[in-house]
Amino acid sequence: MTNPASKPKGLPAAEVAKAGELVNYQDGAVVSREILKKPTGNVTLFAFDEGQGLSEHTAPFDALVQVIEGEAEIIISGKPYRVQGGEMILMPAGQPHALKAVKAFKMILIMIRS
């Protein structure tokens, strides 16, 4: 039996996986798992416990958020958006954004550096 703590950081090539099962919720925390990291961009899974979030910040590149399950409030340049499981939103480069878990939620963050 494999210890979940010993799971590899990335995603093995040519292996089917369910995104929501690759990262777990933790009480009062934000958990992340880097799936793919290349000089041209990265893909990271996140699990946010209810009420948890990321404070306002900017990024030099566009970032695509795909919510897998749950519900998030994502604020982009001061405008709030409710994003639920199965929905996605693009956070444009250079625009301030923040995230907060309305309900516990999991998301895939895709950032392309070009």
N, C-alpha and C. Protein backbone atom coordinates (compact mmCIF):
# COMPACT_ATOMS: atom_id res chain seq x y z
N MET A 1 0.85 -1.19 0.00
CA MET A 1 0.00 0.00 0.00
C MET A 1 0.89 1.24 0.00
N THR A 2 0.54 2.23 -0.81
CA THR A 2 1.34 3.44 -0.92
C THR A 2 0.90 4.47 0.11
N ASN A 3 1.86 5.09 0.75
CA ASN A 3 1.59 6.15 1.71
C ASN A 3 1.24 7.42 0.93
N PRO A 4 0.06 8.05 1.14
CA PRO A 4 -0.31 9.25 0.40
C PRO A 4 0.72 10.37 0.50
N ALA A 5 1.44 10.45 1.62
CA ALA A 5 2.44 11.50 1.79
C ALA A 5 3.63 11.29 0.85
N SER A 6 3.79 10.07 0.34
CA SER A 6 4.92 9.79 -0.53
C SER A 6 4.57 9.91 -2.02
N LYS A 7 3.37 10.41 -2.32
CA LYS A 7 2.99 10.58 -3.72
C LYS A 7 3.96 11.52 -4.42
N PRO A 8 4.30 11.22 -5.68
CA PRO A 8 5.19 12.12 -6.40
C PRO A 8 4.54 13.47 -6.62
N LYS A 9 5.40 14.49 -6.76
CA LYS A 9 4.89 15.84 -6.94
C LYS A 9 4.12 15.99 -8.23
N GLY A 10 4.70 15.55 -9.32
CA GLY A 10 4.08 15.71 -10.63
C GLY A 10 3.11 14.60 -10.94
N LEU A 11 2.64 14.62 -12.16
CA LEU A 11 1.72 13.60 -12.64
C LEU A 11 2.49 12.68 -13.57
N PRO A 12 2.48 11.38 -13.34
CA PRO A 12 3.20 10.48 -14.24
C PRO A 12 2.65 10.58 -15.67
N ALA A 13 3.53 10.51 -16.63
CA ALA A 13 3.12 10.59 -18.03
C ALA A 13 2.29 9.38 -18.43
N ALA A 14 1.36 9.62 -19.33
CA ALA A 14 0.52 8.56 -19.91
C ALA A 14 -0.19 7.73 -18.84
N GLU A 15 -0.70 8.43 -17.82
CA GLU A 15 -1.44 7.76 -16.76
C GLU A 15 -2.73 8.53 -16.50
N VAL A 16 -3.85 7.87 -16.54
CA VAL A 16 -5.14 8.52 -16.30
C VAL A 16 -5.29 8.82 -14.82
N ALA A 17 -5.75 10.03 -14.51
CA ALA A 17 -5.94 10.43 -13.12
C ALA A 17 -7.16 11.33 -13.00
N LYS A 18 -7.80 11.33 -11.85
CA LYS A 18 -8.88 12.25 -11.55
C LYS A 18 -8.29 13.41 -10.77
N ALA A 19 -8.39 14.61 -11.34
CA ALA A 19 -7.76 15.79 -10.75
C ALA A 19 -8.15 15.98 -9.29
N GLY A 20 -9.42 15.80 -8.97
CA GLY A 20 -9.89 16.03 -7.61
C GLY A 20 -9.32 15.07 -6.59
N GLU A 21 -8.78 13.94 -7.04
CA GLU A 21 -8.21 12.96 -6.12
C GLU A 21 -6.71 13.16 -5.91
N LEU A 22 -6.12 14.11 -6.63
CA LEU A 22 -4.68 14.32 -6.53
C LEU A 22 -4.28 15.33 -5.46
N VAL A 23 -5.26 16.00 -4.87
CA VAL A 23 -5.00 16.95 -3.79
C VAL A 23 -6.15 16.84 -2.79
N ASN A 24 -5.83 16.91 -1.50
CA ASN A 24 -6.83 16.73 -0.46
C ASN A 24 -7.02 18.00 0.36
N TYR A 25 -8.23 18.18 0.88
CA TYR A 25 -8.51 19.29 1.78
C TYR A 25 -7.81 19.07 3.11
N GLN A 26 -7.42 20.18 3.75
CA GLN A 26 -6.93 20.15 5.12
C GLN A 26 -7.65 21.25 5.87
N ASP A 27 -8.09 20.97 7.10
CA ASP A 27 -8.82 21.95 7.90
C ASP A 27 -8.05 23.25 8.02
N GLY A 28 -8.72 24.35 7.67
CA GLY A 28 -8.15 25.68 7.84
C GLY A 28 -6.94 25.98 6.98
N ALA A 29 -6.81 25.28 5.84
CA ALA A 29 -5.59 25.45 5.04
C ALA A 29 -5.87 25.50 3.54
N VAL A 30 -4.85 25.94 2.83
CA VAL A 30 -4.81 25.88 1.38
C VAL A 30 -3.70 24.89 1.04
N VAL A 31 -4.03 23.87 0.27
CA VAL A 31 -3.07 22.84 -0.11
C VAL A 31 -2.83 22.94 -1.61
N SER A 32 -1.57 22.84 -2.02
CA SER A 32 -1.27 22.87 -3.45
C SER A 32 -0.38 21.69 -3.83
N ARG A 33 -0.49 21.30 -5.09
CA ARG A 33 0.34 20.23 -5.63
C ARG A 33 0.69 20.59 -7.07
N GLU A 34 1.96 20.76 -7.30
CA GLU A 34 2.44 21.08 -8.65
C GLU A 34 2.37 19.81 -9.50
N ILE A 35 1.67 19.91 -10.63
CA ILE A 35 1.48 18.77 -11.51
C ILE A 35 2.49 18.80 -12.65
N LEU A 36 2.75 19.99 -13.16
CA LEU A 36 3.66 20.14 -14.29
C LEU A 36 4.36 21.49 -14.18
N LYS A 37 5.68 21.48 -14.33
CA LYS A 37 6.42 22.74 -14.28
C LYS A 37 7.45 22.73 -15.40
N LYS A 38 7.32 23.72 -16.27
CA LYS A 38 8.23 23.88 -17.40
C LYS A 38 8.61 25.34 -17.49
N PRO A 39 9.67 25.68 -18.20
CA PRO A 39 10.03 27.09 -18.36
C PRO A 39 8.91 27.92 -19.01
N THR A 40 8.06 27.27 -19.80
CA THR A 40 6.98 27.98 -20.51
C THR A 40 5.69 28.07 -19.71
N GLY A 41 5.60 27.39 -18.57
CA GLY A 41 4.39 27.48 -17.76
C GLY A 41 4.27 26.35 -16.77
N ASN A 42 3.21 26.40 -15.97
CA ASN A 42 3.01 25.36 -14.98
C ASN A 42 1.52 25.10 -14.75
N VAL A 43 1.26 23.92 -14.20
CA VAL A 43 -0.10 23.49 -13.84
C VAL A 43 -0.04 23.06 -12.38
N THR A 44 -0.92 23.65 -11.56
CA THR A 44 -0.94 23.36 -10.13
C THR A 44 -2.36 23.09 -9.69
N LEU A 45 -2.53 22.07 -8.86
CA LEU A 45 -3.83 21.78 -8.24
C LEU A 45 -3.85 22.42 -6.86
N PHE A 46 -5.02 22.94 -6.49
CA PHE A 46 -5.20 23.54 -5.17
C PHE A 46 -6.46 22.98 -4.52
N ALA A 47 -6.44 22.87 -3.20
CA ALA A 47 -7.62 22.55 -2.39
C ALA A 47 -7.71 23.62 -1.30
N PHE A 48 -8.80 24.37 -1.29
CA PHE A 48 -9.02 25.44 -0.31
C PHE A 48 -10.11 25.00 0.64
N ASP A 49 -9.84 25.01 1.93
CA ASP A 49 -10.88 24.75 2.91
C ASP A 49 -11.82 25.96 2.92
N GLU A 50 -13.07 25.75 3.31
CA GLU A 50 -14.04 26.86 3.34
C GLU A 50 -13.49 28.04 4.13
N GLY A 51 -13.62 29.23 3.55
CA GLY A 51 -13.16 30.45 4.19
C GLY A 51 -11.71 30.80 3.92
N GLN A 52 -10.95 29.86 3.38
CA GLN A 52 -9.54 30.11 3.09
C GLN A 52 -9.40 30.79 1.73
N GLY A 53 -8.26 31.42 1.49
CA GLY A 53 -8.07 32.08 0.21
C GLY A 53 -6.66 32.54 0.00
N LEU A 54 -6.49 33.31 -1.05
CA LEU A 54 -5.21 33.95 -1.37
C LEU A 54 -5.47 35.44 -1.44
N SER A 55 -4.65 36.21 -0.76
CA SER A 55 -4.84 37.66 -0.74
C SER A 55 -4.53 38.26 -2.12
N GLU A 56 -4.96 39.50 -2.29
CA GLU A 56 -4.80 40.16 -3.59
C GLU A 56 -3.33 40.23 -4.00
N HIS A 57 -3.08 39.88 -5.26
CA HIS A 57 -1.74 39.93 -5.82
C HIS A 57 -1.87 40.05 -7.34
N THR A 58 -0.77 40.28 -8.00
CA THR A 58 -0.76 40.30 -9.47
C THR A 58 0.24 39.27 -9.96
N ALA A 59 0.08 38.86 -11.20
CA ALA A 59 1.01 37.94 -11.84
C ALA A 59 1.37 38.51 -13.21
N PRO A 60 2.58 38.28 -13.66
CA PRO A 60 3.01 38.84 -14.94
C PRO A 60 2.46 38.09 -16.16
N PHE A 61 1.73 36.98 -15.92
CA PHE A 61 1.20 36.17 -17.01
C PHE A 61 -0.28 35.86 -16.77
N ASP A 62 -1.00 35.58 -17.85
CA ASP A 62 -2.38 35.14 -17.73
C ASP A 62 -2.42 33.84 -16.91
N ALA A 63 -3.49 33.66 -16.14
CA ALA A 63 -3.67 32.43 -15.37
C ALA A 63 -5.11 31.97 -15.54
N LEU A 64 -5.27 30.72 -15.95
CA LEU A 64 -6.59 30.13 -16.13
C LEU A 64 -6.92 29.27 -14.92
N VAL A 65 -8.08 29.55 -14.30
CA VAL A 65 -8.55 28.77 -13.15
C VAL A 65 -9.72 27.91 -13.61
N GLN A 66 -9.61 26.60 -13.39
CA GLN A 66 -10.69 25.65 -13.65
C GLN A 66 -11.10 25.09 -12.30
N VAL A 67 -12.32 25.43 -11.84
CA VAL A 67 -12.80 24.90 -10.56
C VAL A 67 -13.31 23.48 -10.80
N ILE A 68 -12.81 22.55 -10.02
CA ILE A 68 -13.18 21.14 -10.15
C ILE A 68 -14.43 20.83 -9.34
N GLU A 69 -14.46 21.34 -8.11
CA GLU A 69 -15.61 21.12 -7.23
C GLU A 69 -15.68 22.25 -6.23
N GLY A 70 -16.85 22.45 -5.65
CA GLY A 70 -17.03 23.50 -4.65
C GLY A 70 -17.33 24.85 -5.29
N GLU A 71 -17.08 25.92 -4.54
CA GLU A 71 -17.41 27.26 -5.02
C GLU A 71 -16.42 28.28 -4.48
N ALA A 72 -15.95 29.14 -5.39
CA ALA A 72 -14.98 30.17 -5.04
C ALA A 72 -15.50 31.54 -5.42
N GLU A 73 -15.04 32.55 -4.68
CA GLU A 73 -15.22 33.93 -5.11
C GLU A 73 -13.85 34.38 -5.58
N ILE A 74 -13.78 34.78 -6.84
CA ILE A 74 -12.53 35.25 -7.42
C ILE A 74 -12.73 36.72 -7.78
N ILE A 75 -11.90 37.56 -7.22
CA ILE A 75 -12.01 39.00 -7.46
C ILE A 75 -10.90 39.40 -8.41
N ILE A 76 -11.28 40.00 -9.54
CA ILE A 76 -10.32 40.47 -10.53
C ILE A 76 -10.52 41.96 -10.71
N SER A 77 -9.48 42.72 -10.44
CA SER A 77 -9.53 44.19 -10.54
C SER A 77 -10.75 44.76 -9.81
N GLY A 78 -11.02 44.23 -8.61
CA GLY A 78 -12.09 44.72 -7.76
C GLY A 78 -13.47 44.16 -8.06
N LYS A 79 -13.63 43.39 -9.13
CA LYS A 79 -14.95 42.83 -9.48
C LYS A 79 -15.03 41.36 -9.04
N PRO A 80 -16.03 41.01 -8.21
CA PRO A 80 -16.15 39.63 -7.74
C PRO A 80 -16.88 38.73 -8.75
N TYR A 81 -16.41 37.51 -8.85
CA TYR A 81 -17.03 36.48 -9.70
C TYR A 81 -17.21 35.23 -8.86
N ARG A 82 -18.39 34.59 -8.96
CA ARG A 82 -18.62 33.31 -8.30
C ARG A 82 -18.34 32.23 -9.33
N VAL A 83 -17.44 31.32 -9.00
CA VAL A 83 -17.05 30.26 -9.93
C VAL A 83 -17.27 28.93 -9.22
N GLN A 84 -18.02 28.03 -9.87
CA GLN A 84 -18.38 26.75 -9.27
C GLN A 84 -17.76 25.60 -10.04
N GLY A 85 -17.85 24.41 -9.45
CA GLY A 85 -17.33 23.21 -10.10
C GLY A 85 -17.78 23.12 -11.55
N GLY A 86 -16.85 22.86 -12.45
CA GLY A 86 -17.15 22.76 -13.87
C GLY A 86 -17.00 24.07 -14.62
N GLU A 87 -16.76 25.17 -13.88
CA GLU A 87 -16.60 26.48 -14.53
C GLU A 87 -15.14 26.92 -14.47
N MET A 88 -14.81 27.88 -15.36
CA MET A 88 -13.45 28.41 -15.37
C MET A 88 -13.48 29.90 -15.60
N ILE A 89 -12.36 30.56 -15.27
CA ILE A 89 -12.22 31.99 -15.47
C ILE A 89 -10.75 32.31 -15.75
N LEU A 90 -10.54 33.28 -16.61
CA LEU A 90 -9.18 33.71 -16.93
C LEU A 90 -8.84 34.95 -16.11
N MET A 91 -7.73 34.88 -15.39
CA MET A 91 -7.25 36.03 -14.64
C MET A 91 -6.15 36.67 -15.49
N PRO A 92 -6.42 37.86 -16.06
CA PRO A 92 -5.46 38.48 -16.98
C PRO A 92 -4.17 38.93 -16.30
N ALA A 93 -3.10 38.86 -17.05
CA ALA A 93 -1.79 39.31 -16.58
C ALA A 93 -1.86 40.75 -16.12
N GLY A 94 -1.17 41.05 -15.02
CA GLY A 94 -1.05 42.42 -14.54
C GLY A 94 -2.25 42.97 -13.82
N GLN A 95 -3.36 42.24 -13.76
CA GLN A 95 -4.55 42.72 -13.04
C GLN A 95 -4.59 42.08 -11.65
N PRO A 96 -4.82 42.89 -10.62
CA PRO A 96 -4.86 42.32 -9.27
C PRO A 96 -6.01 41.34 -9.12
N HIS A 97 -5.75 40.24 -8.42
CA HIS A 97 -6.79 39.24 -8.20
C HIS A 97 -6.59 38.59 -6.83
N ALA A 98 -7.70 38.05 -6.32
CA ALA A 98 -7.70 37.35 -5.03
C ALA A 98 -8.72 36.22 -5.12
N LEU A 99 -8.57 35.22 -4.27
CA LEU A 99 -9.48 34.08 -4.26
C LEU A 99 -9.91 33.78 -2.84
N LYS A 100 -11.18 33.35 -2.69
CA LYS A 100 -11.67 32.93 -1.37
C LYS A 100 -12.66 31.79 -1.57
N ALA A 101 -12.58 30.79 -0.70
CA ALA A 101 -13.48 29.65 -0.76
C ALA A 101 -14.81 29.99 -0.12
N VAL A 102 -15.86 30.13 -0.93
CA VAL A 102 -17.22 30.30 -0.42
C VAL A 102 -17.63 28.98 0.23
N LYS A 103 -17.33 27.89 -0.46
CA LYS A 103 -17.43 26.52 0.05
C LYS A 103 -16.06 25.91 -0.23
N ALA A 104 -15.70 24.87 0.48
CA ALA A 104 -14.43 24.22 0.17
C ALA A 104 -14.40 23.95 -1.33
N PHE A 105 -13.27 24.24 -1.97
CA PHE A 105 -13.20 24.00 -3.41
C PHE A 105 -11.81 23.56 -3.84
N LYS A 106 -11.80 22.89 -4.99
CA LYS A 106 -10.56 22.46 -5.61
C LYS A 106 -10.50 23.09 -7.00
N MET A 107 -9.27 23.43 -7.41
CA MET A 107 -9.12 24.06 -8.72
C MET A 107 -7.80 23.63 -9.35
N ILE A 108 -7.78 23.77 -10.67
CA ILE A 108 -6.55 23.62 -11.45
C ILE A 108 -6.16 25.02 -11.89
N LEU A 109 -4.92 25.40 -11.66
CA LEU A 109 -4.40 26.68 -12.10
C LEU A 109 -3.39 26.42 -13.21
N ILE A 110 -3.64 27.02 -14.37
CA ILE A 110 -2.74 26.87 -15.51
C ILE A 110 -2.17 28.24 -15.84
N MET A 111 -0.85 28.35 -15.75
CA MET A 111 -0.20 29.62 -16.07
C MET A 111 0.79 29.38 -17.23
N ILE A 112 0.62 30.17 -18.28
CA ILE A 112 1.49 30.09 -19.44
C ILE A 112 2.38 31.32 -19.44
N ARG A 113 3.68 31.11 -19.49
CA ARG A 113 4.64 32.21 -19.41
C ARG A 113 5.07 32.69 -20.79
N SER A 114 4.15 33.31 -21.50
CA SER A 114 4.52 33.88 -22.81
C SER A 114 3.52 34.93 -23.21
